[in-house]
Amino acid sequence: MKFFLQATPRRDRIPSAAVIDASLAWIKARLDDKTFDFCYGFIAGGGVAICNADSADAMLKLLMNYPGYSFSDFKVEPLCDIATALQEVKAMVQRVAAGA
């Protein structure tokens, strides 16, 4: 499964340089092992990634192992294939149009 992940820094907690270094190493390892398709930072802080995990439980475990976890708030959304999603929307529209 793919998940959208957005991290927003908690302004009331500043991580140490060691936590930042550990976070950078953790992110690089997730990119190298293809757990993350990509990871980008926002200019004002925080960032976004597309993550690969077998389940929501696996995504939770992944996130809880991030060294900077306690310094950020997260938004996580499961993703689906856009063609599949649009075909389902089309089928629903056709059912509504037919009065079903």
N, C-alpha and C. Protein backbone atom coordinates (compact mmCIF):
# COMPACT_ATOMS: atom_id res chain seq x y z
N MET A 1 0.84 -1.18 0.00
CA MET A 1 0.00 0.00 0.00
C MET A 1 0.88 1.24 0.00
N LYS A 2 0.36 2.28 -0.61
CA LYS A 2 1.05 3.57 -0.58
C LYS A 2 0.30 4.51 0.35
N PHE A 3 1.06 5.33 1.03
CA PHE A 3 0.51 6.31 1.97
C PHE A 3 1.12 7.67 1.71
N PHE A 4 0.27 8.70 1.75
CA PHE A 4 0.72 10.09 1.75
C PHE A 4 1.08 10.42 3.19
N LEU A 5 2.25 11.00 3.40
CA LEU A 5 2.68 11.39 4.74
C LEU A 5 3.09 12.86 4.71
N GLN A 6 2.50 13.63 5.59
CA GLN A 6 2.89 15.03 5.74
C GLN A 6 3.31 15.24 7.18
N ALA A 7 4.48 15.83 7.36
CA ALA A 7 4.99 16.14 8.70
C ALA A 7 5.00 17.65 8.89
N THR A 8 4.55 18.08 10.06
CA THR A 8 4.56 19.49 10.43
C THR A 8 5.31 19.61 11.75
N PRO A 9 6.32 20.48 11.82
CA PRO A 9 7.07 20.58 13.07
C PRO A 9 6.23 21.16 14.20
N ARG A 10 6.46 20.64 15.39
CA ARG A 10 5.86 21.21 16.59
C ARG A 10 6.73 22.39 17.01
N ARG A 11 6.16 23.55 17.00
CA ARG A 11 6.94 24.76 17.28
C ARG A 11 7.34 24.89 18.75
N ASP A 12 6.68 24.12 19.62
CA ASP A 12 6.99 24.20 21.04
C ASP A 12 8.13 23.27 21.45
N ARG A 13 8.64 22.46 20.51
CA ARG A 13 9.73 21.52 20.80
C ARG A 13 10.76 21.60 19.70
N ILE A 14 11.98 21.88 20.08
CA ILE A 14 13.07 21.98 19.11
C ILE A 14 13.97 20.75 19.28
N PRO A 15 14.16 19.97 18.20
CA PRO A 15 15.01 18.79 18.33
C PRO A 15 16.49 19.18 18.45
N SER A 16 17.26 18.30 19.06
CA SER A 16 18.70 18.52 19.16
C SER A 16 19.34 18.25 17.79
N ALA A 17 20.59 18.68 17.64
CA ALA A 17 21.33 18.40 16.41
C ALA A 17 21.45 16.90 16.20
N ALA A 18 21.61 16.14 17.29
CA ALA A 18 21.73 14.68 17.18
C ALA A 18 20.44 14.06 16.65
N VAL A 19 19.28 14.56 17.08
CA VAL A 19 18.00 14.05 16.58
C VAL A 19 17.84 14.39 15.11
N ILE A 20 18.26 15.58 14.72
CA ILE A 20 18.18 15.98 13.30
C ILE A 20 19.08 15.07 12.47
N ASP A 21 20.30 14.81 12.92
CA ASP A 21 21.21 13.91 12.19
C ASP A 21 20.62 12.51 12.09
N ALA A 22 20.05 12.00 13.18
CA ALA A 22 19.44 10.67 13.17
C ALA A 22 18.23 10.63 12.23
N SER A 23 17.46 11.71 12.20
CA SER A 23 16.30 11.80 11.31
C SER A 23 16.74 11.79 9.85
N LEU A 24 17.76 12.55 9.53
CA LEU A 24 18.29 12.57 8.15
C LEU A 24 18.77 11.19 7.73
N ALA A 25 19.49 10.50 8.62
CA ALA A 25 19.98 9.15 8.30
C ALA A 25 18.82 8.18 8.12
N TRP A 26 17.79 8.30 8.96
CA TRP A 26 16.62 7.43 8.88
C TRP A 26 15.88 7.65 7.55
N ILE A 27 15.69 8.91 7.17
CA ILE A 27 15.02 9.23 5.90
C ILE A 27 15.83 8.69 4.72
N LYS A 28 17.15 8.90 4.75
CA LYS A 28 18.00 8.40 3.66
C LYS A 28 17.88 6.88 3.54
N ALA A 29 17.86 6.19 4.68
CA ALA A 29 17.73 4.72 4.65
C ALA A 29 16.39 4.30 4.07
N ARG A 30 15.31 5.03 4.39
CA ARG A 30 13.99 4.70 3.84
C ARG A 30 13.93 4.98 2.33
N LEU A 31 14.63 5.99 1.86
CA LEU A 31 14.71 6.24 0.42
C LEU A 31 15.54 5.15 -0.26
N ASP A 32 16.65 4.77 0.36
CA ASP A 32 17.53 3.75 -0.22
C ASP A 32 16.85 2.38 -0.29
N ASP A 33 16.05 2.03 0.73
CA ASP A 33 15.41 0.72 0.71
C ASP A 33 14.03 0.74 0.03
N LYS A 34 13.70 1.89 -0.56
CA LYS A 34 12.47 2.08 -1.34
C LYS A 34 11.20 2.07 -0.49
N THR A 35 11.33 2.22 0.83
CA THR A 35 10.15 2.39 1.67
C THR A 35 9.50 3.73 1.35
N PHE A 36 10.32 4.73 1.00
CA PHE A 36 9.81 6.03 0.55
C PHE A 36 10.05 6.14 -0.94
N ASP A 37 9.01 6.53 -1.70
CA ASP A 37 9.19 6.82 -3.12
C ASP A 37 9.93 8.14 -3.29
N PHE A 38 9.59 9.10 -2.44
CA PHE A 38 10.27 10.39 -2.41
C PHE A 38 10.02 11.04 -1.06
N CYS A 39 10.81 12.04 -0.77
CA CYS A 39 10.63 12.81 0.46
C CYS A 39 11.14 14.22 0.17
N TYR A 40 10.28 15.21 0.39
CA TYR A 40 10.63 16.60 0.17
C TYR A 40 10.31 17.41 1.41
N GLY A 41 11.12 18.44 1.65
CA GLY A 41 10.87 19.36 2.74
C GLY A 41 10.13 20.59 2.25
N PHE A 42 9.39 21.21 3.17
CA PHE A 42 8.74 22.48 2.89
C PHE A 42 9.67 23.61 3.33
N ILE A 43 9.63 24.71 2.62
CA ILE A 43 10.49 25.84 2.92
C ILE A 43 10.30 26.32 4.36
N ALA A 44 9.07 26.32 4.85
CA ALA A 44 8.77 26.82 6.19
C ALA A 44 8.89 25.75 7.27
N GLY A 45 9.31 24.54 6.92
CA GLY A 45 9.46 23.46 7.89
C GLY A 45 8.52 22.31 7.61
N GLY A 46 8.92 21.13 8.03
CA GLY A 46 8.12 19.95 7.77
C GLY A 46 8.40 19.41 6.38
N GLY A 47 7.56 18.48 5.95
CA GLY A 47 7.78 17.91 4.63
C GLY A 47 6.70 16.92 4.25
N VAL A 48 6.93 16.25 3.13
CA VAL A 48 5.97 15.32 2.57
C VAL A 48 6.72 14.13 1.97
N ALA A 49 6.09 12.96 2.06
CA ALA A 49 6.67 11.75 1.47
C ALA A 49 5.53 10.84 0.99
N ILE A 50 5.86 10.00 0.03
CA ILE A 50 4.99 8.89 -0.33
C ILE A 50 5.70 7.64 0.19
N CYS A 51 4.97 6.91 1.04
CA CYS A 51 5.55 5.76 1.75
C CYS A 51 4.90 4.47 1.28
N ASN A 52 5.66 3.40 1.35
CA ASN A 52 5.18 2.07 1.01
C ASN A 52 5.18 1.22 2.28
N ALA A 53 4.02 0.67 2.61
CA ALA A 53 3.88 -0.21 3.77
C ALA A 53 2.82 -1.25 3.45
N ASP A 54 2.93 -2.41 4.05
CA ASP A 54 1.99 -3.51 3.77
C ASP A 54 0.60 -3.27 4.33
N SER A 55 0.50 -2.41 5.36
CA SER A 55 -0.79 -2.19 6.02
C SER A 55 -0.72 -0.89 6.82
N ALA A 56 -1.87 -0.49 7.34
CA ALA A 56 -1.90 0.68 8.22
C ALA A 56 -1.08 0.41 9.48
N ASP A 57 -1.15 -0.81 9.99
CA ASP A 57 -0.36 -1.16 11.17
C ASP A 57 1.14 -1.04 10.88
N ALA A 58 1.56 -1.49 9.70
CA ALA A 58 2.97 -1.39 9.32
C ALA A 58 3.38 0.07 9.15
N MET A 59 2.46 0.90 8.63
CA MET A 59 2.76 2.33 8.49
C MET A 59 2.92 2.97 9.87
N LEU A 60 2.07 2.60 10.80
CA LEU A 60 2.19 3.11 12.17
C LEU A 60 3.54 2.73 12.77
N LYS A 61 3.93 1.48 12.61
CA LYS A 61 5.21 1.03 13.15
C LYS A 61 6.37 1.80 12.51
N LEU A 62 6.31 1.99 11.21
CA LEU A 62 7.33 2.77 10.51
C LEU A 62 7.43 4.17 11.09
N LEU A 63 6.31 4.83 11.20
CA LEU A 63 6.28 6.21 11.69
C LEU A 63 6.79 6.31 13.13
N MET A 64 6.42 5.35 13.96
CA MET A 64 6.82 5.38 15.36
C MET A 64 8.32 5.16 15.54
N ASN A 65 9.00 4.67 14.49
CA ASN A 65 10.45 4.48 14.55
C ASN A 65 11.23 5.67 14.01
N TYR A 66 10.55 6.70 13.54
CA TYR A 66 11.22 7.90 13.06
C TYR A 66 11.83 8.64 14.25
N PRO A 67 13.13 8.94 14.22
CA PRO A 67 13.77 9.59 15.37
C PRO A 67 13.16 10.94 15.76
N GLY A 68 12.60 11.66 14.80
CA GLY A 68 12.00 12.96 15.09
C GLY A 68 10.51 12.90 15.37
N TYR A 69 9.99 11.69 15.64
CA TYR A 69 8.54 11.52 15.81
C TYR A 69 7.94 12.48 16.84
N SER A 70 8.56 12.61 17.97
CA SER A 70 7.96 13.44 19.04
C SER A 70 8.10 14.94 18.79
N PHE A 71 8.77 15.31 17.72
CA PHE A 71 8.94 16.72 17.39
C PHE A 71 8.05 17.18 16.24
N SER A 72 7.19 16.28 15.76
CA SER A 72 6.36 16.58 14.59
C SER A 72 4.94 16.09 14.79
N ASP A 73 4.02 16.72 14.07
CA ASP A 73 2.66 16.22 13.94
C ASP A 73 2.55 15.66 12.52
N PHE A 74 1.72 14.63 12.35
CA PHE A 74 1.65 13.93 11.08
C PHE A 74 0.23 13.83 10.55
N LYS A 75 0.14 13.87 9.24
CA LYS A 75 -1.09 13.55 8.53
C LYS A 75 -0.74 12.37 7.64
N VAL A 76 -1.51 11.29 7.74
CA VAL A 76 -1.26 10.08 6.95
C VAL A 76 -2.56 9.71 6.25
N GLU A 77 -2.48 9.53 4.94
CA GLU A 77 -3.66 9.15 4.14
C GLU A 77 -3.30 7.97 3.25
N PRO A 78 -4.12 6.90 3.24
CA PRO A 78 -3.88 5.81 2.30
C PRO A 78 -4.18 6.29 0.88
N LEU A 79 -3.44 5.77 -0.07
CA LEU A 79 -3.61 6.16 -1.47
C LEU A 79 -4.09 4.99 -2.30
N CYS A 80 -4.73 5.31 -3.41
CA CYS A 80 -5.15 4.28 -4.37
C CYS A 80 -4.74 4.73 -5.76
N ASP A 81 -4.78 3.80 -6.68
CA ASP A 81 -4.47 4.08 -8.07
C ASP A 81 -5.49 5.06 -8.64
N ILE A 82 -5.05 6.09 -9.32
CA ILE A 82 -5.96 7.13 -9.82
C ILE A 82 -6.90 6.57 -10.88
N ALA A 83 -6.43 5.68 -11.74
CA ALA A 83 -7.31 5.11 -12.77
C ALA A 83 -8.42 4.29 -12.12
N THR A 84 -8.09 3.51 -11.10
CA THR A 84 -9.10 2.74 -10.38
C THR A 84 -10.10 3.68 -9.72
N ALA A 85 -9.61 4.72 -9.08
CA ALA A 85 -10.49 5.67 -8.40
C ALA A 85 -11.45 6.33 -9.38
N LEU A 86 -10.93 6.78 -10.51
CA LEU A 86 -11.79 7.46 -11.49
C LEU A 86 -12.78 6.50 -12.14
N GLN A 87 -12.40 5.24 -12.34
CA GLN A 87 -13.35 4.26 -12.87
C GLN A 87 -14.49 4.03 -11.88
N GLU A 88 -14.18 4.01 -10.59
CA GLU A 88 -15.23 3.85 -9.57
C GLU A 88 -16.15 5.07 -9.54
N VAL A 89 -15.57 6.26 -9.68
CA VAL A 89 -16.39 7.48 -9.74
C VAL A 89 -17.30 7.44 -10.96
N LYS A 90 -16.75 7.04 -12.10
CA LYS A 90 -17.53 6.94 -13.33
C LYS A 90 -18.69 5.96 -13.16
N ALA A 91 -18.43 4.80 -12.57
CA ALA A 91 -19.48 3.80 -12.36
C ALA A 91 -20.56 4.35 -11.43
N MET A 92 -20.17 5.07 -10.41
CA MET A 92 -21.14 5.66 -9.48
C MET A 92 -21.99 6.70 -10.19
N VAL A 93 -21.37 7.54 -11.01
CA VAL A 93 -22.10 8.57 -11.76
C VAL A 93 -23.10 7.89 -12.71
N GLN A 94 -22.70 6.84 -13.35
CA GLN A 94 -23.59 6.12 -14.27
C GLN A 94 -24.78 5.49 -13.51
N ARG A 95 -24.51 4.94 -12.32
CA ARG A 95 -25.60 4.38 -11.52
C ARG A 95 -26.59 5.46 -11.11
N VAL A 96 -26.08 6.61 -10.71
CA VAL A 96 -26.96 7.72 -10.30
C VAL A 96 -27.75 8.21 -11.50
N ALA A 97 -27.12 8.35 -12.63
CA ALA A 97 -27.80 8.82 -13.83
C ALA A 97 -28.91 7.85 -14.28
N ALA A 98 -28.69 6.55 -14.02
CA ALA A 98 -29.68 5.53 -14.40
C ALA A 98 -30.79 5.40 -13.35
N GLY A 99 -30.67 6.12 -12.26
CA GLY A 99 -31.68 6.08 -11.22
C GLY A 99 -31.54 4.92 -10.28
N ALA A 100 -30.41 4.28 -10.25
CA ALA A 100 -30.21 3.12 -9.37
C ALA A 100 -29.93 3.52 -7.95
